[in-house]
Every structure is written in structure tokens, then in C-alpha cells.
Amino acid sequence: MGSELRSRLAAAGVAPECAATIELVRDVLARVGDKWTVLVVTALADGPLRFTALHQRIDGISERMLGHTLRSLTRDGLVTRTAYAEVPPRVEYALTPLGRSLSDAVGHVVRWVQRHKTEIVRSREAFDGDDPAAR
């Protein structure tokens, strides 16, 4: 936990265990709200993939960012990394049960966007246009 946040929470009378929970919630929200996390979890929803196949499915992600995202997801228990003793070596990434539950939640958000896409597009167009009332 950052010392600045810790100090602010202590000054507000927040118990240390509550402060730890607040910090974890912030950290997890940052992880699951990251666009690369969402795209990796979505790509792995259909089953395990090798790094190269995963990289090909996610448009615009660099190999470095994909590696970083996979390490973070593995650290958080959302993805497993399985290395097979073959020549050449083969590594597959898959969602854990915890990762699958995140995938289900992401699916709900995607379906929400699909149901409301017309409204969202209309609002964006109004906001970006000359209609000051939309701002």
C-alpha cells in the first residue's frame, strides 16, 4: 500500500485491515479494468492458447505488453501457464476457475454494450457535435 494513501486512511480513522482491503480493491479494479486484461481474458474464454496464437487474436498488443499482462494475470490467479516438455517447448495459457468467473463478468459488460450501443453512439455524436446542451 502506498504510504500517502495509508496516511490519509489512518488520518480518517480507517482501521489497518480495512485500509488493506481498500488497497486490494483498487489494485484489482485497475487490473480487471485494463483493456489488455479484458482482451486476454476474452481471448482465453474459448480455451487454452499458446502465446503466439493469443498474440494474433489481440489486435494492437505488443509481445512485451502481452507477456506483462499474462504475468500479472498469472500472479493474481486468473490464468495458468503450462509448459510442456517437448521439442520445441510448448507453453499454453488458460483461464483458472477464478479467471473464468471474471470472463463471465466481462461477458455481461460486453452484452450490456451491445444492447445499448445505439444510445452510446448517439450520445457521443451529440456530445462531439455542435449541441452544447449535450455537454
N, C-alpha and C. Protein backbone atom coordinates (compact mmCIF):
# COMPACT_ATOMS: atom_id res chain seq x y z
N MET A 1 0.85 -1.16 0.00
CA MET A 1 0.00 0.00 0.00
C MET A 1 0.90 1.23 0.00
N GLY A 2 0.52 2.25 -0.74
CA GLY A 2 1.29 3.47 -0.79
C GLY A 2 1.23 4.20 0.53
N SER A 3 2.35 4.82 0.93
CA SER A 3 2.37 5.49 2.23
C SER A 3 1.43 6.69 2.27
N GLU A 4 1.24 7.37 1.14
CA GLU A 4 0.33 8.52 1.11
C GLU A 4 -1.11 8.07 1.39
N LEU A 5 -1.54 7.02 0.71
CA LEU A 5 -2.89 6.51 0.93
C LEU A 5 -3.02 5.99 2.36
N ARG A 6 -2.02 5.28 2.82
CA ARG A 6 -2.04 4.74 4.18
C ARG A 6 -2.20 5.87 5.19
N SER A 7 -1.48 6.95 5.00
CA SER A 7 -1.56 8.10 5.91
C SER A 7 -2.93 8.75 5.88
N ARG A 8 -3.48 8.92 4.68
CA ARG A 8 -4.81 9.53 4.56
C ARG A 8 -5.88 8.67 5.22
N LEU A 9 -5.79 7.36 5.01
CA LEU A 9 -6.78 6.47 5.61
C LEU A 9 -6.64 6.43 7.13
N ALA A 10 -5.40 6.42 7.62
CA ALA A 10 -5.18 6.42 9.07
C ALA A 10 -5.72 7.71 9.68
N ALA A 11 -5.48 8.84 8.99
CA ALA A 11 -5.97 10.13 9.49
C ALA A 11 -7.50 10.18 9.51
N ALA A 12 -8.12 9.42 8.62
CA ALA A 12 -9.58 9.37 8.57
C ALA A 12 -10.14 8.34 9.55
N GLY A 13 -9.25 7.68 10.28
CA GLY A 13 -9.70 6.70 11.27
C GLY A 13 -10.02 5.33 10.71
N VAL A 14 -9.51 5.02 9.51
CA VAL A 14 -9.77 3.73 8.90
C VAL A 14 -8.82 2.69 9.51
N ALA A 15 -9.38 1.58 9.94
CA ALA A 15 -8.58 0.51 10.55
C ALA A 15 -7.61 -0.06 9.52
N PRO A 16 -6.43 -0.51 9.95
CA PRO A 16 -5.43 -1.03 9.02
C PRO A 16 -5.96 -2.17 8.12
N GLU A 17 -6.78 -3.07 8.68
CA GLU A 17 -7.30 -4.18 7.86
C GLU A 17 -8.27 -3.67 6.79
N CYS A 18 -9.01 -2.63 7.10
CA CYS A 18 -9.90 -2.01 6.11
C CYS A 18 -9.09 -1.30 5.04
N ALA A 19 -8.02 -0.65 5.47
CA ALA A 19 -7.15 0.03 4.52
C ALA A 19 -6.54 -0.97 3.55
N ALA A 20 -6.16 -2.14 4.05
CA ALA A 20 -5.60 -3.18 3.18
C ALA A 20 -6.65 -3.65 2.17
N THR A 21 -7.89 -3.79 2.59
CA THR A 21 -8.97 -4.20 1.68
C THR A 21 -9.20 -3.13 0.62
N ILE A 22 -9.22 -1.88 1.04
CA ILE A 22 -9.40 -0.78 0.09
C ILE A 22 -8.30 -0.80 -0.97
N GLU A 23 -7.08 -1.00 -0.54
CA GLU A 23 -5.95 -1.03 -1.47
C GLU A 23 -6.07 -2.21 -2.43
N LEU A 24 -6.47 -3.38 -1.92
CA LEU A 24 -6.63 -4.55 -2.78
C LEU A 24 -7.74 -4.31 -3.80
N VAL A 25 -8.85 -3.73 -3.38
CA VAL A 25 -9.95 -3.43 -4.30
C VAL A 25 -9.47 -2.49 -5.40
N ARG A 26 -8.74 -1.46 -5.03
CA ARG A 26 -8.22 -0.52 -6.03
C ARG A 26 -7.30 -1.23 -7.02
N ASP A 27 -6.42 -2.10 -6.49
CA ASP A 27 -5.46 -2.81 -7.33
C ASP A 27 -6.18 -3.77 -8.29
N VAL A 28 -7.15 -4.52 -7.77
CA VAL A 28 -7.87 -5.48 -8.61
C VAL A 28 -8.71 -4.75 -9.66
N LEU A 29 -9.36 -3.66 -9.27
CA LEU A 29 -10.13 -2.90 -10.25
C LEU A 29 -9.24 -2.35 -11.37
N ALA A 30 -8.05 -1.92 -11.01
CA ALA A 30 -7.11 -1.45 -12.03
C ALA A 30 -6.74 -2.59 -12.98
N ARG A 31 -6.55 -3.78 -12.43
CA ARG A 31 -6.19 -4.94 -13.26
C ARG A 31 -7.34 -5.33 -14.17
N VAL A 32 -8.52 -5.56 -13.61
CA VAL A 32 -9.62 -6.07 -14.43
C VAL A 32 -10.22 -5.00 -15.33
N GLY A 33 -9.95 -3.73 -15.04
CA GLY A 33 -10.43 -2.65 -15.89
C GLY A 33 -9.48 -2.31 -17.01
N ASP A 34 -8.32 -2.91 -17.02
CA ASP A 34 -7.32 -2.66 -18.05
C ASP A 34 -7.77 -3.29 -19.37
N LYS A 35 -7.65 -2.56 -20.46
CA LYS A 35 -8.15 -3.07 -21.74
C LYS A 35 -7.45 -4.35 -22.16
N TRP A 36 -6.14 -4.46 -21.89
CA TRP A 36 -5.43 -5.66 -22.30
C TRP A 36 -5.89 -6.87 -21.49
N THR A 37 -6.16 -6.67 -20.21
CA THR A 37 -6.68 -7.76 -19.38
C THR A 37 -8.00 -8.26 -19.94
N VAL A 38 -8.89 -7.33 -20.24
CA VAL A 38 -10.21 -7.71 -20.77
C VAL A 38 -10.05 -8.48 -22.08
N LEU A 39 -9.17 -8.02 -22.96
CA LEU A 39 -8.99 -8.70 -24.24
C LEU A 39 -8.33 -10.06 -24.09
N VAL A 40 -7.37 -10.20 -23.17
CA VAL A 40 -6.73 -11.50 -22.94
C VAL A 40 -7.75 -12.48 -22.35
N VAL A 41 -8.49 -12.04 -21.35
CA VAL A 41 -9.48 -12.91 -20.72
C VAL A 41 -10.54 -13.33 -21.75
N THR A 42 -10.97 -12.41 -22.59
CA THR A 42 -11.95 -12.73 -23.63
C THR A 42 -11.38 -13.74 -24.62
N ALA A 43 -10.12 -13.55 -25.01
CA ALA A 43 -9.49 -14.47 -25.97
C ALA A 43 -9.33 -15.87 -25.39
N LEU A 44 -9.07 -15.96 -24.09
CA LEU A 44 -8.88 -17.27 -23.45
C LEU A 44 -10.19 -17.93 -23.04
N ALA A 45 -11.31 -17.25 -23.21
CA ALA A 45 -12.60 -17.79 -22.78
C ALA A 45 -12.96 -19.07 -23.53
N ASP A 46 -12.49 -19.22 -24.76
CA ASP A 46 -12.82 -20.42 -25.55
C ASP A 46 -11.88 -21.59 -25.28
N GLY A 47 -10.85 -21.37 -24.47
CA GLY A 47 -9.94 -22.46 -24.15
C GLY A 47 -8.49 -22.01 -24.20
N PRO A 48 -7.59 -22.92 -23.82
CA PRO A 48 -6.15 -22.60 -23.75
C PRO A 48 -5.59 -22.18 -25.11
N LEU A 49 -4.62 -21.28 -25.05
CA LEU A 49 -3.93 -20.82 -26.26
C LEU A 49 -2.44 -20.69 -26.00
N ARG A 50 -1.68 -20.88 -27.04
CA ARG A 50 -0.25 -20.62 -26.97
C ARG A 50 -0.04 -19.11 -27.11
N PHE A 51 1.13 -18.65 -26.69
CA PHE A 51 1.44 -17.22 -26.71
C PHE A 51 1.22 -16.63 -28.10
N THR A 52 1.76 -17.28 -29.13
CA THR A 52 1.66 -16.74 -30.49
C THR A 52 0.21 -16.65 -30.96
N ALA A 53 -0.58 -17.67 -30.67
CA ALA A 53 -1.99 -17.64 -31.07
C ALA A 53 -2.73 -16.53 -30.32
N LEU A 54 -2.40 -16.37 -29.05
CA LEU A 54 -3.02 -15.31 -28.26
C LEU A 54 -2.63 -13.94 -28.81
N HIS A 55 -1.37 -13.79 -29.14
CA HIS A 55 -0.87 -12.52 -29.71
C HIS A 55 -1.59 -12.20 -31.02
N GLN A 56 -1.83 -13.21 -31.84
CA GLN A 56 -2.51 -12.99 -33.11
C GLN A 56 -3.98 -12.62 -32.93
N ARG A 57 -4.60 -13.07 -31.86
CA ARG A 57 -6.02 -12.78 -31.62
C ARG A 57 -6.27 -11.39 -31.06
N ILE A 58 -5.24 -10.79 -30.48
CA ILE A 58 -5.43 -9.49 -29.83
C ILE A 58 -4.76 -8.41 -30.66
N ASP A 59 -5.55 -7.74 -31.45
CA ASP A 59 -5.05 -6.71 -32.35
C ASP A 59 -4.44 -5.55 -31.57
N GLY A 60 -3.22 -5.18 -31.92
CA GLY A 60 -2.60 -3.99 -31.36
C GLY A 60 -1.76 -4.21 -30.12
N ILE A 61 -1.75 -5.40 -29.55
CA ILE A 61 -0.96 -5.63 -28.34
C ILE A 61 0.46 -6.03 -28.75
N SER A 62 1.43 -5.46 -28.08
CA SER A 62 2.82 -5.84 -28.35
C SER A 62 3.13 -7.13 -27.60
N GLU A 63 4.17 -7.83 -28.03
CA GLU A 63 4.56 -9.05 -27.33
C GLU A 63 4.95 -8.73 -25.89
N ARG A 64 5.61 -7.61 -25.70
CA ARG A 64 6.03 -7.21 -24.35
C ARG A 64 4.81 -6.97 -23.46
N MET A 65 3.80 -6.27 -23.96
CA MET A 65 2.61 -5.99 -23.17
C MET A 65 1.81 -7.27 -22.92
N LEU A 66 1.76 -8.15 -23.90
CA LEU A 66 1.07 -9.42 -23.70
C LEU A 66 1.77 -10.23 -22.61
N GLY A 67 3.10 -10.29 -22.66
CA GLY A 67 3.86 -11.00 -21.63
C GLY A 67 3.62 -10.41 -20.25
N HIS A 68 3.64 -9.09 -20.17
CA HIS A 68 3.40 -8.40 -18.89
C HIS A 68 2.00 -8.71 -18.36
N THR A 69 1.01 -8.63 -19.25
CA THR A 69 -0.38 -8.89 -18.86
C THR A 69 -0.56 -10.33 -18.40
N LEU A 70 0.03 -11.27 -19.12
CA LEU A 70 -0.08 -12.68 -18.73
C LEU A 70 0.58 -12.93 -17.38
N ARG A 71 1.74 -12.33 -17.12
CA ARG A 71 2.40 -12.49 -15.82
C ARG A 71 1.51 -11.94 -14.70
N SER A 72 0.92 -10.77 -14.93
CA SER A 72 0.05 -10.17 -13.92
C SER A 72 -1.18 -11.03 -13.66
N LEU A 73 -1.78 -11.55 -14.72
CA LEU A 73 -2.96 -12.39 -14.57
C LEU A 73 -2.62 -13.71 -13.88
N THR A 74 -1.45 -14.24 -14.16
CA THR A 74 -1.00 -15.46 -13.51
C THR A 74 -0.75 -15.18 -12.03
N ARG A 75 -0.11 -14.06 -11.72
CA ARG A 75 0.15 -13.68 -10.33
C ARG A 75 -1.15 -13.56 -9.54
N ASP A 76 -2.20 -13.02 -10.17
CA ASP A 76 -3.48 -12.83 -9.49
C ASP A 76 -4.34 -14.10 -9.47
N GLY A 77 -3.85 -15.18 -10.08
CA GLY A 77 -4.59 -16.44 -10.06
C GLY A 77 -5.69 -16.54 -11.08
N LEU A 78 -5.64 -15.70 -12.11
CA LEU A 78 -6.68 -15.70 -13.14
C LEU A 78 -6.33 -16.56 -14.34
N VAL A 79 -5.03 -16.78 -14.54
CA VAL A 79 -4.53 -17.53 -15.69
C VAL A 79 -3.48 -18.53 -15.21
N THR A 80 -3.46 -19.69 -15.86
CA THR A 80 -2.39 -20.65 -15.60
C THR A 80 -1.47 -20.69 -16.81
N ARG A 81 -0.22 -20.97 -16.53
CA ARG A 81 0.80 -21.13 -17.58
C ARG A 81 1.30 -22.56 -17.47
N THR A 82 1.10 -23.34 -18.54
CA THR A 82 1.53 -24.73 -18.53
C THR A 82 2.60 -24.92 -19.59
N ALA A 83 3.79 -25.34 -19.15
CA ALA A 83 4.91 -25.61 -20.06
C ALA A 83 5.01 -27.12 -20.27
N TYR A 84 5.05 -27.54 -21.52
CA TYR A 84 5.15 -28.94 -21.87
C TYR A 84 6.59 -29.26 -22.26
N ALA A 85 7.08 -30.39 -21.76
CA ALA A 85 8.46 -30.80 -22.04
C ALA A 85 8.52 -31.44 -23.43
N GLU A 86 8.52 -30.60 -24.43
CA GLU A 86 8.56 -31.03 -25.83
C GLU A 86 9.65 -30.26 -26.54
N VAL A 87 10.00 -30.74 -27.72
CA VAL A 87 10.95 -30.02 -28.56
C VAL A 87 10.23 -29.70 -29.86
N PRO A 88 10.03 -28.44 -30.20
CA PRO A 88 10.36 -27.26 -29.39
C PRO A 88 9.41 -27.15 -28.19
N PRO A 89 9.82 -26.40 -27.18
CA PRO A 89 8.98 -26.25 -25.99
C PRO A 89 7.62 -25.64 -26.36
N ARG A 90 6.59 -26.07 -25.65
CA ARG A 90 5.25 -25.55 -25.88
C ARG A 90 4.70 -25.03 -24.56
N VAL A 91 4.16 -23.83 -24.59
CA VAL A 91 3.57 -23.22 -23.40
C VAL A 91 2.15 -22.80 -23.75
N GLU A 92 1.21 -23.15 -22.88
CA GLU A 92 -0.18 -22.75 -23.09
C GLU A 92 -0.67 -21.94 -21.89
N TYR A 93 -1.55 -21.02 -22.19
CA TYR A 93 -2.18 -20.19 -21.17
C TYR A 93 -3.67 -20.51 -21.16
N ALA A 94 -4.22 -20.60 -19.95
CA ALA A 94 -5.65 -20.91 -19.81
C ALA A 94 -6.21 -20.17 -18.61
N LEU A 95 -7.51 -19.94 -18.65
CA LEU A 95 -8.18 -19.33 -17.51
C LEU A 95 -8.32 -20.33 -16.38
N THR A 96 -8.13 -19.87 -15.17
CA THR A 96 -8.42 -20.67 -13.98
C THR A 96 -9.93 -20.53 -13.71
N PRO A 97 -10.46 -21.27 -12.75
CA PRO A 97 -11.87 -21.05 -12.39
C PRO A 97 -12.13 -19.59 -11.98
N LEU A 98 -11.19 -18.98 -11.29
CA LEU A 98 -11.33 -17.57 -10.92
C LEU A 98 -11.33 -16.70 -12.18
N GLY A 99 -10.45 -16.99 -13.12
CA GLY A 99 -10.39 -16.26 -14.38
C GLY A 99 -11.65 -16.44 -15.20
N ARG A 100 -12.22 -17.66 -15.15
CA ARG A 100 -13.47 -17.91 -15.87
C ARG A 100 -14.61 -17.08 -15.28
N SER A 101 -14.60 -16.92 -13.95
CA SER A 101 -15.65 -16.09 -13.35
C SER A 101 -15.49 -14.63 -13.78
N LEU A 102 -14.25 -14.16 -13.96
CA LEU A 102 -14.02 -12.82 -14.50
C LEU A 102 -14.50 -12.75 -15.94
N SER A 103 -14.25 -13.80 -16.70
CA SER A 103 -14.70 -13.85 -18.10
C SER A 103 -16.21 -13.75 -18.17
N ASP A 104 -16.92 -14.40 -17.25
CA ASP A 104 -18.38 -14.30 -17.22
C ASP A 104 -18.82 -12.86 -16.96
N ALA A 105 -18.14 -12.19 -16.01
CA ALA A 105 -18.47 -10.80 -15.70
C ALA A 105 -18.19 -9.89 -16.90
N VAL A 106 -17.08 -10.11 -17.57
CA VAL A 106 -16.74 -9.32 -18.76
C VAL A 106 -17.80 -9.55 -19.84
N GLY A 107 -18.26 -10.78 -19.97
CA GLY A 107 -19.30 -11.09 -20.94
C GLY A 107 -20.57 -10.30 -20.68
N HIS A 108 -20.91 -10.10 -19.41
CA HIS A 108 -22.09 -9.29 -19.07
C HIS A 108 -21.90 -7.85 -19.54
N VAL A 109 -20.71 -7.32 -19.35
CA VAL A 109 -20.42 -5.94 -19.78
C VAL A 109 -20.51 -5.85 -21.30
N VAL A 110 -19.94 -6.82 -22.00
CA VAL A 110 -19.99 -6.81 -23.46
C VAL A 110 -21.44 -6.85 -23.94
N ARG A 111 -22.25 -7.71 -23.33
CA ARG A 111 -23.67 -7.78 -23.73
C ARG A 111 -24.39 -6.48 -23.42
N TRP A 112 -24.04 -5.82 -22.31
CA TRP A 112 -24.64 -4.53 -21.98
C TRP A 112 -24.31 -3.50 -23.06
N VAL A 113 -23.05 -3.47 -23.49
CA VAL A 113 -22.64 -2.54 -24.55
C VAL A 113 -23.40 -2.85 -25.83
N GLN A 114 -23.53 -4.12 -26.16
CA GLN A 114 -24.25 -4.49 -27.37
C GLN A 114 -25.72 -4.03 -27.31
N ARG A 115 -26.35 -4.17 -26.15
CA ARG A 115 -27.76 -3.74 -26.00
C ARG A 115 -27.91 -2.22 -26.08
N HIS A 116 -26.90 -1.48 -25.66
CA HIS A 116 -27.01 -0.03 -25.57
C HIS A 116 -26.13 0.72 -26.57
N LYS A 117 -25.60 0.02 -27.56
CA LYS A 117 -24.65 0.67 -28.46
C LYS A 117 -25.26 1.84 -29.22
N THR A 118 -26.52 1.74 -29.62
CA THR A 118 -27.17 2.84 -30.35
C THR A 118 -27.23 4.09 -29.47
N GLU A 119 -27.63 3.91 -28.22
CA GLU A 119 -27.71 5.05 -27.30
C GLU A 119 -26.33 5.67 -27.06
N ILE A 120 -25.33 4.82 -26.90
CA ILE A 120 -23.98 5.31 -26.64
C ILE A 120 -23.45 6.10 -27.82
N VAL A 121 -23.61 5.54 -29.02
CA VAL A 121 -23.15 6.22 -30.23
C VAL A 121 -23.88 7.54 -30.41
N ARG A 122 -25.19 7.54 -30.21
CA ARG A 122 -25.97 8.77 -30.34
C ARG A 122 -25.50 9.83 -29.34
N SER A 123 -25.26 9.43 -28.13
CA SER A 123 -24.78 10.37 -27.10
C SER A 123 -23.41 10.92 -27.45
N ARG A 124 -22.53 10.07 -27.93
CA ARG A 124 -21.19 10.53 -28.32
C ARG A 124 -21.27 11.53 -29.47
N GLU A 125 -22.10 11.21 -30.45
CA GLU A 125 -22.24 12.12 -31.60
C GLU A 125 -22.79 13.46 -31.16
N ALA A 126 -23.78 13.45 -30.28
CA ALA A 126 -24.35 14.71 -29.78
C ALA A 126 -23.31 15.50 -29.00
N PHE A 127 -22.55 14.83 -28.17
CA PHE A 127 -21.54 15.49 -27.36
C PHE A 127 -20.43 16.08 -28.24
N ASP A 128 -19.99 15.31 -29.23
CA ASP A 128 -18.91 15.75 -30.11
C ASP A 128 -19.35 16.78 -31.15
N GLY A 129 -20.66 16.88 -31.36
CA GLY A 129 -21.19 17.82 -32.36
C GLY A 129 -21.32 19.21 -31.79
N ASP A 130 -22.16 19.98 -32.43
CA ASP A 130 -22.33 21.39 -32.04
C ASP A 130 -23.43 21.59 -31.02
N ASP A 131 -23.91 20.55 -30.40
CA ASP A 131 -25.02 20.68 -29.47
C ASP A 131 -24.49 20.91 -28.05
N PRO A 132 -24.38 22.21 -27.61
CA PRO A 132 -23.86 22.50 -26.28
C PRO A 132 -24.72 21.92 -25.17
N ALA A 133 -26.01 21.66 -25.46
CA ALA A 133 -26.90 21.10 -24.43
C ALA A 133 -26.48 19.68 -24.05
N ALA A 134 -25.80 18.99 -24.96
CA ALA A 134 -25.37 17.62 -24.68
C ALA A 134 -24.18 17.57 -23.74
N ARG A 135 -23.55 18.72 -23.53
CA ARG A 135 -22.36 18.73 -22.67
C ARG A 135 -22.79 19.08 -21.31
